[in-house]
Amino acid sequence: MKDFIYRSRVYYSPVEFAMAFIGGTWKMPVLLSLRNGPVRYGDLKNAIPHISHKMLNTQLRELEEKGMLTRHIYVEKPPRVEYRLTERAERALPVIDAIGRYGMELMGEEGIEL
């Protein structure tokens, strides 16, 4: 397959391109935390306890820029913000689930139990 450039970055395969949207340590946990509907920031932070506030903010911003989630700000006091998956992100959920199943198989093969 021929490499291609998107937003000033060279990609060598469609898999690499897709992983730019869902890869990394925190994007998949954020997306999975939103799978059942809109979630407020504090609830997201509680669902992913090891993520720092700075990293969660960074991941939410990146996912929003990539069209994977939307942010709705409610005009009330105190302000309330909810995050929701887009259709683009919902299409990624079966892929993330498959990666999770594959990871569990590999962990079993390596004698790792959760």
PDB file of N, CA and C in Angstrom:
ATOM      1  N   MET A   1       0.841  -1.177   0.000  1.00  0.00           N
ATOM      2  CA  MET A   1       0.000   0.000   0.000  1.00  0.00           C
ATOM      3  C   MET A   1       0.883   1.235   0.000  1.00  0.00           C
ATOM      4  N   LYS A   2       0.428   2.232  -0.672  1.00  0.00           N
ATOM      5  CA  LYS A   2       1.147   3.499  -0.767  1.00  0.00           C
ATOM      6  C   LYS A   2       0.931   4.320   0.504  1.00  0.00           C
ATOM      7  N   ASP A   3       1.985   4.982   0.969  1.00  0.00           N
ATOM      8  CA  ASP A   3       1.824   5.863   2.124  1.00  0.00           C
ATOM      9  C   ASP A   3       1.071   7.126   1.709  1.00  0.00           C
ATOM     10  N   PHE A   4       0.542   7.834   2.700  1.00  0.00           N
ATOM     11  CA  PHE A   4      -0.218   9.043   2.405  1.00  0.00           C
ATOM     12  C   PHE A   4      -0.004  10.061   3.524  1.00  0.00           C
ATOM     13  N   ILE A   5      -0.294  11.295   3.207  1.00  0.00           N
ATOM     14  CA  ILE A   5      -0.126  12.387   4.160  1.00  0.00           C
ATOM     15  C   ILE A   5      -1.503  12.931   4.531  1.00  0.00           C
ATOM     16  N   TYR A   6      -1.711  13.103   5.820  1.00  0.00           N
ATOM     17  CA  TYR A   6      -2.940  13.690   6.333  1.00  0.00           C
ATOM     18  C   TYR A   6      -2.560  14.632   7.464  1.00  0.00           C
ATOM     19  N   ARG A   7      -2.967  15.879   7.335  1.00  0.00           N
ATOM     20  CA  ARG A   7      -2.651  16.919   8.333  1.00  0.00           C
ATOM     21  C   ARG A   7      -1.167  16.926   8.694  1.00  0.00           C
ATOM     22  N   SER A   8      -0.342  16.960   7.670  1.00  0.00           N
ATOM     23  CA  SER A   8       1.118  17.085   7.784  1.00  0.00           C
ATOM     24  C   SER A   8       1.806  15.872   8.405  1.00  0.00           C
ATOM     25  N   ARG A   9       1.143  14.741   8.473  1.00  0.00           N
ATOM     26  CA  ARG A   9       1.760  13.529   9.015  1.00  0.00           C
ATOM     27  C   ARG A   9       1.680  12.419   7.980  1.00  0.00           C
ATOM     28  N   VAL A  10       2.749  11.649   7.870  1.00  0.00           N
ATOM     29  CA  VAL A  10       2.792  10.533   6.927  1.00  0.00           C
ATOM     30  C   VAL A  10       2.255   9.285   7.626  1.00  0.00           C
ATOM     31  N   TYR A  11       1.341   8.606   6.954  1.00  0.00           N
ATOM     32  CA  TYR A  11       0.802   7.333   7.440  1.00  0.00           C
ATOM     33  C   TYR A  11       1.193   6.253   6.440  1.00  0.00           C
ATOM     34  N   TYR A  12       1.511   5.069   6.969  1.00  0.00           N
ATOM     35  CA  TYR A  12       1.966   3.979   6.121  1.00  0.00           C
ATOM     36  C   TYR A  12       0.924   2.881   5.939  1.00  0.00           C
ATOM     37  N   SER A  13      -0.170   2.955   6.711  1.00  0.00           N
ATOM     38  CA  SER A  13      -1.231   1.961   6.553  1.00  0.00           C
ATOM     39  C   SER A  13      -2.532   2.488   7.150  1.00  0.00           C
ATOM     40  N   PRO A  14      -3.646   1.936   6.719  1.00  0.00           N
ATOM     41  CA  PRO A  14      -4.925   2.326   7.314  1.00  0.00           C
ATOM     42  C   PRO A  14      -4.996   1.988   8.813  1.00  0.00           C
ATOM     43  N   VAL A  15      -4.311   0.930   9.237  1.00  0.00           N
ATOM     44  CA  VAL A  15      -4.301   0.577  10.660  1.00  0.00           C
ATOM     45  C   VAL A  15      -3.619   1.681  11.460  1.00  0.00           C
ATOM     46  N   GLU A  16      -2.490   2.147  10.984  1.00  0.00           N
ATOM     47  CA  GLU A  16      -1.794   3.246  11.654  1.00  0.00           C
ATOM     48  C   GLU A  16      -2.684   4.492  11.711  1.00  0.00           C
ATOM     49  N   PHE A  17      -3.391   4.765  10.631  1.00  0.00           N
ATOM     50  CA  PHE A  17      -4.293   5.919  10.584  1.00  0.00           C
ATOM     51  C   PHE A  17      -5.410   5.773  11.620  1.00  0.00           C
ATOM     52  N   ALA A  18      -6.028   4.595  11.685  1.00  0.00           N
ATOM     53  CA  ALA A  18      -7.101   4.364  12.657  1.00  0.00           C
ATOM     54  C   ALA A  18      -6.579   4.489  14.088  1.00  0.00           C
ATOM     55  N   MET A  19      -5.369   3.994  14.340  1.00  0.00           N
ATOM     56  CA  MET A  19      -4.812   4.065  15.689  1.00  0.00           C
ATOM     57  C   MET A  19      -4.508   5.497  16.105  1.00  0.00           C
ATOM     58  N   ALA A  20      -4.331   6.391  15.147  1.00  0.00           N
ATOM     59  CA  ALA A  20      -4.152   7.806  15.485  1.00  0.00           C
ATOM     60  C   ALA A  20      -5.429   8.360  16.121  1.00  0.00           C
ATOM     61  N   PHE A  21      -6.562   7.743  15.848  1.00  0.00           N
ATOM     62  CA  PHE A  21      -7.841   8.186  16.399  1.00  0.00           C
ATOM     63  C   PHE A  21      -8.164   7.512  17.725  1.00  0.00           C
ATOM     64  N   ILE A  22      -7.785   6.240  17.881  1.00  0.00           N
ATOM     65  CA  ILE A  22      -8.193   5.503  19.083  1.00  0.00           C
ATOM     66  C   ILE A  22      -7.030   4.964  19.898  1.00  0.00           C
ATOM     67  N   GLY A  23      -5.803   5.118  19.428  1.00  0.00           N
ATOM     68  CA  GLY A  23      -4.648   4.525  20.092  1.00  0.00           C
ATOM     69  C   GLY A  23      -4.136   5.348  21.258  1.00  0.00           C
ATOM     70  N   GLY A  24      -3.150   4.804  21.924  1.00  0.00           N
ATOM     71  CA  GLY A  24      -2.559   5.453  23.075  1.00  0.00           C
ATOM     72  C   GLY A  24      -3.097   4.849  24.362  1.00  0.00           C
ATOM     73  N   THR A  25      -2.580   5.309  25.453  1.00  0.00           N
ATOM     74  CA  THR A  25      -2.939   4.750  26.750  1.00  0.00           C
ATOM     75  C   THR A  25      -4.361   5.080  27.169  1.00  0.00           C
ATOM     76  N   TRP A  26      -4.853   6.277  26.868  1.00  0.00           N
ATOM     77  CA  TRP A  26      -6.080   6.751  27.479  1.00  0.00           C
ATOM     78  C   TRP A  26      -7.279   6.900  26.553  1.00  0.00           C
ATOM     79  N   LYS A  27      -7.096   6.935  25.251  1.00  0.00           N
ATOM     80  CA  LYS A  27      -8.241   7.177  24.365  1.00  0.00           C
ATOM     81  C   LYS A  27      -9.279   6.064  24.439  1.00  0.00           C
ATOM     82  N   MET A  28      -8.838   4.817  24.427  1.00  0.00           N
ATOM     83  CA  MET A  28      -9.803   3.716  24.486  1.00  0.00           C
ATOM     84  C   MET A  28     -10.568   3.699  25.810  1.00  0.00           C
ATOM     85  N   PRO A  29      -9.911   3.875  26.974  1.00  0.00           N
ATOM     86  CA  PRO A  29     -10.694   3.931  28.205  1.00  0.00           C
ATOM     87  C   PRO A  29     -11.702   5.085  28.216  1.00  0.00           C
ATOM     88  N   VAL A  30     -11.334   6.227  27.650  1.00  0.00           N
ATOM     89  CA  VAL A  30     -12.278   7.348  27.585  1.00  0.00           C
ATOM     90  C   VAL A  30     -13.465   6.969  26.706  1.00  0.00           C
ATOM     91  N   LEU A  31     -13.193   6.431  25.535  1.00  0.00           N
ATOM     92  CA  LEU A  31     -14.273   6.054  24.628  1.00  0.00           C
ATOM     93  C   LEU A  31     -15.176   4.990  25.252  1.00  0.00           C
ATOM     94  N   LEU A  32     -14.582   4.004  25.902  1.00  0.00           N
ATOM     95  CA  LEU A  32     -15.383   2.949  26.528  1.00  0.00           C
ATOM     96  C   LEU A  32     -16.218   3.499  27.677  1.00  0.00           C
ATOM     97  N   SER A  33     -15.722   4.491  28.370  1.00  0.00           N
ATOM     98  CA  SER A  33     -16.476   5.097  29.470  1.00  0.00           C
ATOM     99  C   SER A  33     -17.694   5.869  28.977  1.00  0.00           C
ATOM    100  N   LEU A  34     -17.692   6.228  27.700  1.00  0.00           N
ATOM    101  CA  LEU A  34     -18.803   6.984  27.123  1.00  0.00           C
ATOM    102  C   LEU A  34     -19.771   6.103  26.338  1.00  0.00           C
ATOM    103  N   ARG A  35     -19.539   4.821  26.304  1.00  0.00           N
ATOM    104  CA  ARG A  35     -20.311   3.938  25.424  1.00  0.00           C
ATOM    105  C   ARG A  35     -21.791   3.856  25.782  1.00  0.00           C
ATOM    106  N   ASN A  36     -22.159   4.128  27.016  1.00  0.00           N
ATOM    107  CA  ASN A  36     -23.564   3.999  27.421  1.00  0.00           C
ATOM    108  C   ASN A  36     -24.315   5.314  27.444  1.00  0.00           C
ATOM    109  N   GLY A  37     -23.733   6.359  26.877  1.00  0.00           N
ATOM    110  CA  GLY A  37     -24.428   7.637  26.831  1.00  0.00           C
ATOM    111  C   GLY A  37     -23.579   8.757  27.392  1.00  0.00           C
ATOM    112  N   PRO A  38     -24.156   9.963  27.443  1.00  0.00           N
ATOM    113  CA  PRO A  38     -23.388  11.128  27.874  1.00  0.00           C
ATOM    114  C   PRO A  38     -22.889  10.982  29.312  1.00  0.00           C
ATOM    115  N   VAL A  39     -21.690  11.511  29.537  1.00  0.00           N
ATOM    116  CA  VAL A  39     -21.059  11.436  30.856  1.00  0.00           C
ATOM    117  C   VAL A  39     -20.462  12.787  31.191  1.00  0.00           C
ATOM    118  N   ARG A  40     -20.607  13.193  32.439  1.00  0.00           N
ATOM    119  CA  ARG A  40     -20.015  14.437  32.912  1.00  0.00           C
ATOM    120  C   ARG A  40     -18.533  14.225  33.192  1.00  0.00           C
ATOM    121  N   TYR A  41     -17.786  15.329  33.183  1.00  0.00           N
ATOM    122  CA  TYR A  41     -16.334  15.276  33.359  1.00  0.00           C
ATOM    123  C   TYR A  41     -15.948  14.528  34.645  1.00  0.00           C
ATOM    124  N   GLY A  42     -16.555  14.882  35.766  1.00  0.00           N
ATOM    125  CA  GLY A  42     -16.203  14.252  37.042  1.00  0.00           C
ATOM    126  C   GLY A  42     -16.445  12.759  37.037  1.00  0.00           C
ATOM    127  N   ASP A  43     -17.519  12.333  36.384  1.00  0.00           N
ATOM    128  CA  ASP A  43     -17.805  10.902  36.288  1.00  0.00           C
ATOM    129  C   ASP A  43     -16.785  10.191  35.409  1.00  0.00           C
ATOM    130  N   LEU A  44     -16.339  10.867  34.341  1.00  0.00           N
ATOM    131  CA  LEU A  44     -15.271  10.292  33.513  1.00  0.00           C
ATOM    132  C   LEU A  44     -14.001  10.126  34.329  1.00  0.00           C
ATOM    133  N   LYS A  45     -13.651  11.149  35.085  1.00  0.00           N
ATOM    134  CA  LYS A  45     -12.438  11.098  35.916  1.00  0.00           C
ATOM    135  C   LYS A  45     -12.528   9.947  36.908  1.00  0.00           C
ATOM    136  N   ASN A  46     -13.695   9.755  37.517  1.00  0.00           N
ATOM    137  CA  ASN A  46     -13.879   8.654  38.470  1.00  0.00           C
ATOM    138  C   ASN A  46     -13.823   7.290  37.786  1.00  0.00           C
ATOM    139  N   ALA A  47     -14.285   7.221  36.541  1.00  0.00           N
ATOM    140  CA  ALA A  47     -14.293   5.949  35.802  1.00  0.00           C
ATOM    141  C   ALA A  47     -12.891   5.525  35.385  1.00  0.00           C
ATOM    142  N   ILE A  48     -11.979   6.497  35.287  1.00  0.00           N
ATOM    143  CA  ILE A  48     -10.598   6.225  34.869  1.00  0.00           C
ATOM    144  C   ILE A  48      -9.682   6.784  35.963  1.00  0.00           C
ATOM    145  N   PRO A  49      -9.572   6.097  37.101  1.00  0.00           N
ATOM    146  CA  PRO A  49      -8.932   6.687  38.279  1.00  0.00           C
ATOM    147  C   PRO A  49      -7.457   7.046  38.131  1.00  0.00           C
ATOM    148  N   HIS A  50      -6.720   6.404  37.273  1.00  0.00           N
ATOM    149  CA  HIS A  50      -5.277   6.663  37.185  1.00  0.00           C
ATOM    150  C   HIS A  50      -4.921   7.789  36.232  1.00  0.00           C
ATOM    151  N   ILE A  51      -5.892   8.355  35.549  1.00  0.00           N
ATOM    152  CA  ILE A  51      -5.612   9.435  34.602  1.00  0.00           C
ATOM    153  C   ILE A  51      -5.589  10.766  35.368  1.00  0.00           C
ATOM    154  N   SER A  52      -4.628  11.607  35.035  1.00  0.00           N
ATOM    155  CA  SER A  52      -4.563  12.925  35.670  1.00  0.00           C
ATOM    156  C   SER A  52      -5.581  13.854  35.012  1.00  0.00           C
ATOM    157  N   HIS A  53      -5.914  14.942  35.709  1.00  0.00           N
ATOM    158  CA  HIS A  53      -6.850  15.915  35.137  1.00  0.00           C
ATOM    159  C   HIS A  53      -6.283  16.493  33.835  1.00  0.00           C
ATOM    160  N   LYS A  54      -4.990  16.795  33.828  1.00  0.00           N
ATOM    161  CA  LYS A  54      -4.369  17.366  32.629  1.00  0.00           C
ATOM    162  C   LYS A  54      -4.464  16.394  31.453  1.00  0.00           C
ATOM    163  N   MET A  55      -4.166  15.122  31.698  1.00  0.00           N
ATOM    164  CA  MET A  55      -4.215  14.131  30.615  1.00  0.00           C
ATOM    165  C   MET A  55      -5.650  13.902  30.153  1.00  0.00           C
ATOM    166  N   LEU A  56      -6.601  13.871  31.083  1.00  0.00           N
ATOM    167  CA  LEU A  56      -7.994  13.688  30.678  1.00  0.00           C
ATOM    168  C   LEU A  56      -8.444  14.860  29.814  1.00  0.00           C
ATOM    169  N   ASN A  57      -8.105  16.068  30.218  1.00  0.00           N
ATOM    170  CA  ASN A  57      -8.451  17.239  29.407  1.00  0.00           C
ATOM    171  C   ASN A  57      -7.819  17.158  28.023  1.00  0.00           C
ATOM    172  N   THR A  58      -6.561  16.758  27.964  1.00  0.00           N
ATOM    173  CA  THR A  58      -5.861  16.634  26.677  1.00  0.00           C
ATOM    174  C   THR A  58      -6.540  15.594  25.792  1.00  0.00           C
ATOM    175  N   GLN A  59      -6.861  14.434  26.358  1.00  0.00           N
ATOM    176  CA  GLN A  59      -7.490  13.371  25.575  1.00  0.00           C
ATOM    177  C   GLN A  59      -8.875  13.777  25.096  1.00  0.00           C
ATOM    178  N   LEU A  60      -9.644  14.423  25.956  1.00  0.00           N
ATOM    179  CA  LEU A  60     -10.980  14.882  25.554  1.00  0.00           C
ATOM    180  C   LEU A  60     -10.880  15.890  24.421  1.00  0.00           C
ATOM    181  N   ARG A  61      -9.940  16.806  24.513  1.00  0.00           N
ATOM    182  CA  ARG A  61      -9.741  17.821  23.462  1.00  0.00           C
ATOM    183  C   ARG A  61      -9.354  17.134  22.144  1.00  0.00           C
ATOM    184  N   GLU A  62      -8.404  16.186  22.209  1.00  0.00           N
ATOM    185  CA  GLU A  62      -7.970  15.494  20.990  1.00  0.00           C
ATOM    186  C   GLU A  62      -9.113  14.684  20.377  1.00  0.00           C
ATOM    187  N   LEU A  63      -9.863  13.982  21.205  1.00  0.00           N
ATOM    188  CA  LEU A  63     -10.981  13.193  20.682  1.00  0.00           C
ATOM    189  C   LEU A  63     -12.055  14.083  20.074  1.00  0.00           C
ATOM    190  N   GLU A  64     -12.272  15.235  20.660  1.00  0.00           N
ATOM    191  CA  GLU A  64     -13.233  16.181  20.091  1.00  0.00           C
ATOM    192  C   GLU A  64     -12.728  16.715  18.752  1.00  0.00           C
ATOM    193  N   GLU A  65     -11.447  17.060  18.673  1.00  0.00           N
ATOM    194  CA  GLU A  65     -10.871  17.558  17.417  1.00  0.00           C
ATOM    195  C   GLU A  65     -10.944  16.522  16.307  1.00  0.00           C
ATOM    196  N   LYS A  66     -10.846  15.245  16.664  1.00  0.00           N
ATOM    197  CA  LYS A  66     -10.885  14.172  15.674  1.00  0.00           C
ATOM    198  C   LYS A  66     -12.312  13.731  15.348  1.00  0.00           C
ATOM    199  N   GLY A  67     -13.287  14.406  15.926  1.00  0.00           N
ATOM    200  CA  GLY A  67     -14.677  14.077  15.631  1.00  0.00           C
ATOM    201  C   GLY A  67     -15.167  12.814  16.301  1.00  0.00           C
ATOM    202  N   MET A  68     -14.528  12.428  17.407  1.00  0.00           N
ATOM    203  CA  MET A  68     -14.900  11.196  18.103  1.00  0.00           C
ATOM    204  C   MET A  68     -15.884  11.442  19.243  1.00  0.00           C
ATOM    205  N   LEU A  69     -15.960  12.657  19.723  1.00  0.00           N
ATOM    206  CA  LEU A  69     -16.931  12.973  20.763  1.00  0.00           C
ATOM    207  C   LEU A  69     -17.362  14.425  20.642  1.00  0.00           C
ATOM    208  N   THR A  70     -18.485  14.708  21.274  1.00  0.00           N
ATOM    209  CA  THR A  70     -18.974  16.081  21.329  1.00  0.00           C
ATOM    210  C   THR A  70     -19.019  16.503  22.797  1.00  0.00           C
ATOM    211  N   ARG A  71     -18.901  17.793  22.996  1.00  0.00           N
ATOM    212  CA  ARG A  71     -18.960  18.377  24.338  1.00  0.00           C
ATOM    213  C   ARG A  71     -20.145  19.321  24.370  1.00  0.00           C
ATOM    214  N   HIS A  72     -21.011  19.122  25.346  1.00  0.00           N
ATOM    215  CA  HIS A  72     -22.169  20.009  25.497  1.00  0.00           C
ATOM    216  C   HIS A  72     -22.036  20.737  26.821  1.00  0.00           C
ATOM    217  N   ILE A  73     -22.024  22.062  26.747  1.00  0.00           N
ATOM    218  CA  ILE A  73     -21.919  22.893  27.933  1.00  0.00           C
ATOM    219  C   ILE A  73     -23.304  23.415  28.275  1.00  0.00           C
ATOM    220  N   TYR A  74     -23.770  23.112  29.473  1.00  0.00           N
ATOM    221  CA  TYR A  74     -25.059  23.595  29.942  1.00  0.00           C
ATOM    222  C   TYR A  74     -24.841  24.930  30.641  1.00  0.00           C
ATOM    223  N   VAL A  75     -25.649  25.911  30.276  1.00  0.00           N
ATOM    224  CA  VAL A  75     -25.533  27.247  30.859  1.00  0.00           C
ATOM    225  C   VAL A  75     -26.345  27.256  32.153  1.00  0.00           C
ATOM    226  N   GLU A  76     -25.681  26.901  33.218  1.00  0.00           N
ATOM    227  CA  GLU A  76     -26.293  26.893  34.540  1.00  0.00           C
ATOM    228  C   GLU A  76     -25.188  27.123  35.564  1.00  0.00           C
ATOM    229  N   LYS A  77     -25.554  27.346  36.788  1.00  0.00           N
ATOM    230  CA  LYS A  77     -24.555  27.566  37.833  1.00  0.00           C
ATOM    231  C   LYS A  77     -24.679  26.459  38.861  1.00  0.00           C
ATOM    232  N   PRO A  78     -23.612  25.733  39.139  1.00  0.00           N
ATOM    233  CA  PRO A  78     -22.330  25.789  38.429  1.00  0.00           C
ATOM    234  C   PRO A  78     -22.463  25.184  37.036  1.00  0.00           C
ATOM    235  N   PRO A  79     -21.553  25.579  36.125  1.00  0.00           N
ATOM    236  CA  PRO A  79     -21.627  25.050  34.758  1.00  0.00           C
ATOM    237  C   PRO A  79     -21.489  23.525  34.750  1.00  0.00           C
ATOM    238  N   ARG A  80     -22.190  22.916  33.826  1.00  0.00           N
ATOM    239  CA  ARG A  80     -22.135  21.459  33.676  1.00  0.00           C
ATOM    240  C   ARG A  80     -21.730  21.147  32.250  1.00  0.00           C
ATOM    241  N   VAL A  81     -20.816  20.191  32.103  1.00  0.00           N
ATOM    242  CA  VAL A  81     -20.342  19.774  30.782  1.00  0.00           C
ATOM    243  C   VAL A  81     -20.548  18.272  30.653  1.00  0.00           C
ATOM    244  N   GLU A  82     -21.120  17.854  29.531  1.00  0.00           N
ATOM    245  CA  GLU A  82     -21.283  16.433  29.243  1.00  0.00           C
ATOM    246  C   GLU A  82     -20.591  16.103  27.931  1.00  0.00           C
ATOM    247  N   TYR A  83     -20.041  14.905  27.888  1.00  0.00           N
ATOM    248  CA  TYR A  83     -19.379  14.401  26.690  1.00  0.00           C
ATOM    249  C   TYR A  83     -20.178  13.229  26.162  1.00  0.00           C
ATOM    250  N   ARG A  84     -20.236  13.141  24.826  1.00  0.00           N
ATOM    251  CA  ARG A  84     -21.011  12.089  24.166  1.00  0.00           C
ATOM    252  C   ARG A  84     -20.233  11.603  22.944  1.00  0.00           C
ATOM    253  N   LEU A  85     -20.304  10.297  22.681  1.00  0.00           N
ATOM    254  CA  LEU A  85     -19.672   9.736  21.492  1.00  0.00           C
ATOM    255  C   LEU A  85     -20.400  10.185  20.235  1.00  0.00           C
ATOM    256  N   THR A  86     -19.642  10.370  19.186  1.00  0.00           N
ATOM    257  CA  THR A  86     -20.232  10.609  17.872  1.00  0.00           C
ATOM    258  C   THR A  86     -20.435   9.265  17.181  1.00  0.00           C
ATOM    259  N   GLU A  87     -21.099   9.298  16.039  1.00  0.00           N
ATOM    260  CA  GLU A  87     -21.298   8.067  15.261  1.00  0.00           C
ATOM    261  C   GLU A  87     -19.948   7.494  14.846  1.00  0.00           C
ATOM    262  N   ARG A  88     -18.990   8.357  14.558  1.00  0.00           N
ATOM    263  CA  ARG A  88     -17.644   7.906  14.184  1.00  0.00           C
ATOM    264  C   ARG A  88     -17.034   7.076  15.320  1.00  0.00           C
ATOM    265  N   ALA A  89     -17.185   7.523  16.537  1.00  0.00           N
ATOM    266  CA  ALA A  89     -16.634   6.797  17.685  1.00  0.00           C
ATOM    267  C   ALA A  89     -17.419   5.519  17.955  1.00  0.00           C
ATOM    268  N   GLU A  90     -18.726   5.572  17.779  1.00  0.00           N
ATOM    269  CA  GLU A  90     -19.536   4.370  17.997  1.00  0.00           C
ATOM    270  C   GLU A  90     -19.124   3.253  17.039  1.00  0.00           C
ATOM    271  N   ARG A  91     -18.724   3.609  15.822  1.00  0.00           N
ATOM    272  CA  ARG A  91     -18.236   2.598  14.868  1.00  0.00           C
ATOM    273  C   ARG A  91     -16.927   1.984  15.343  1.00  0.00           C
ATOM    274  N   ALA A  92     -16.168   2.695  16.172  1.00  0.00           N
ATOM    275  CA  ALA A  92     -14.888   2.180  16.671  1.00  0.00           C
ATOM    276  C   ALA A  92     -15.070   1.200  17.831  1.00  0.00           C
ATOM    277  N   LEU A  93     -16.210   1.242  18.515  1.00  0.00           N
ATOM    278  CA  LEU A  93     -16.388   0.397  19.695  1.00  0.00           C
ATOM    279  C   LEU A  93     -16.236  -1.094  19.424  1.00  0.00           C
ATOM    280  N   PRO A  94     -16.807  -1.662  18.347  1.00  0.00           N
ATOM    281  CA  PRO A  94     -16.577  -3.090  18.086  1.00  0.00           C
ATOM    282  C   PRO A  94     -15.099  -3.403  17.837  1.00  0.00           C
ATOM    283  N   VAL A  95     -14.378  -2.472  17.247  1.00  0.00           N
ATOM    284  CA  VAL A  95     -12.937  -2.664  17.006  1.00  0.00           C
ATOM    285  C   VAL A  95     -12.206  -2.693  18.347  1.00  0.00           C
ATOM    286  N   ILE A  96     -12.549  -1.759  19.233  1.00  0.00           N
ATOM    287  CA  ILE A  96     -11.925  -1.715  20.556  1.00  0.00           C
ATOM    288  C   ILE A  96     -12.257  -2.984  21.332  1.00  0.00           C
ATOM    289  N   ASP A  97     -13.496  -3.438  21.249  1.00  0.00           N
ATOM    290  CA  ASP A  97     -13.879  -4.688  21.918  1.00  0.00           C
ATOM    291  C   ASP A  97     -13.064  -5.860  21.386  1.00  0.00           C
ATOM    292  N   ALA A  98     -12.864  -5.915  20.064  1.00  0.00           N
ATOM    293  CA  ALA A  98     -12.068  -6.998  19.463  1.00  0.00           C
ATOM    294  C   ALA A  98     -10.612  -6.930  19.939  1.00  0.00           C
ATOM    295  N   ILE A  99     -10.062  -5.743  20.019  1.00  0.00           N
ATOM    296  CA  ILE A  99      -8.690  -5.589  20.522  1.00  0.00           C
ATOM    297  C   ILE A  99      -8.632  -6.065  21.975  1.00  0.00           C
ATOM    298  N   GLY A 100      -9.658  -5.738  22.762  1.00  0.00           N
ATOM    299  CA  GLY A 100      -9.703  -6.190  24.154  1.00  0.00           C
ATOM    300  C   GLY A 100      -9.746  -7.706  24.270  1.00  0.00           C
ATOM    301  N   ARG A 101     -10.564  -8.346  23.439  1.00  0.00           N
ATOM    302  CA  ARG A 101     -10.634  -9.819  23.459  1.00  0.00           C
ATOM    303  C   ARG A 101      -9.289 -10.420  23.069  1.00  0.00           C
ATOM    304  N   TYR A 102      -8.663  -9.854  22.042  1.00  0.00           N
ATOM    305  CA  TYR A 102      -7.354 -10.339  21.612  1.00  0.00           C
ATOM    306  C   TYR A 102      -6.338 -10.165  22.735  1.00  0.00           C
ATOM    307  N   GLY A 103      -6.376  -9.025  23.418  1.00  0.00           N
ATOM    308  CA  GLY A 103      -5.474  -8.789  24.539  1.00  0.00           C
ATOM    309  C   GLY A 103      -5.675  -9.801  25.652  1.00  0.00           C
ATOM    310  N   MET A 104      -6.931 -10.126  25.951  1.00  0.00           N
ATOM    311  CA  MET A 104      -7.207 -11.132  26.985  1.00  0.00           C
ATOM    312  C   MET A 104      -6.670 -12.499  26.574  1.00  0.00           C
ATOM    313  N   GLU A 105      -6.811 -12.851  25.291  1.00  0.00           N
ATOM    314  CA  GLU A 105      -6.256 -14.123  24.809  1.00  0.00           C
ATOM    315  C   GLU A 105      -4.745 -14.146  24.984  1.00  0.00           C
ATOM    316  N   LEU A 106      -4.088 -13.064  24.584  1.00  0.00           N
ATOM    317  CA  LEU A 106      -2.630 -12.988  24.730  1.00  0.00           C
ATOM    318  C   LEU A 106      -2.211 -13.075  26.192  1.00  0.00           C
ATOM    319  N   MET A 107      -2.948 -12.386  27.056  1.00  0.00           N
ATOM    320  CA  MET A 107      -2.620 -12.441  28.479  1.00  0.00           C
ATOM    321  C   MET A 107      -2.757 -13.868  29.006  1.00  0.00           C
ATOM    322  N   GLY A 108      -3.809 -14.582  28.593  1.00  0.00           N
ATOM    323  CA  GLY A 108      -3.978 -15.970  28.999  1.00  0.00           C
ATOM    324  C   GLY A 108      -2.825 -16.839  28.522  1.00  0.00           C
ATOM    325  N   GLU A 109      -2.405 -16.638  27.282  1.00  0.00           N
ATOM    326  CA  GLU A 109      -1.285 -17.392  26.736  1.00  0.00           C
ATOM    327  C   GLU A 109       0.014 -17.129  27.501  1.00  0.00           C
ATOM    328  N   GLU A 110       0.131 -15.930  28.050  1.00  0.00           N
ATOM    329  CA  GLU A 110       1.331 -15.558  28.799  1.00  0.00           C
ATOM    330  C   GLU A 110       1.182 -15.821  30.298  1.00  0.00           C
ATOM    331  N   GLY A 111       0.049 -16.419  30.698  1.00  0.00           N
ATOM    332  CA  GLY A 111      -0.155 -16.754  32.099  1.00  0.00           C
ATOM    333  C   GLY A 111      -0.502 -15.567  32.982  1.00  0.00           C
ATOM    334  N   ILE A 112      -1.018 -14.505  32.383  1.00  0.00           N
ATOM    335  CA  ILE A 112      -1.400 -13.318  33.141  1.00  0.00           C
ATOM    336  C   ILE A 112      -2.893 -13.394  33.426  1.00  0.00           C
ATOM    337  N   GLU A 113      -3.257 -13.263  34.692  1.00  0.00           N
ATOM    338  CA  GLU A 113      -4.674 -13.284  35.069  1.00  0.00           C
ATOM    339  C   GLU A 113      -5.063 -11.935  35.636  1.00  0.00           C
ATOM    340  N   LEU A 114      -6.290 -11.517  35.325  1.00  0.00           N
ATOM    341  CA  LEU A 114      -6.826 -10.284  35.911  1.00  0.00           C
ATOM    342  C   LEU A 114      -7.763 -10.602  37.044  1.00  0.00           C
TER     343      LEU A 114
END
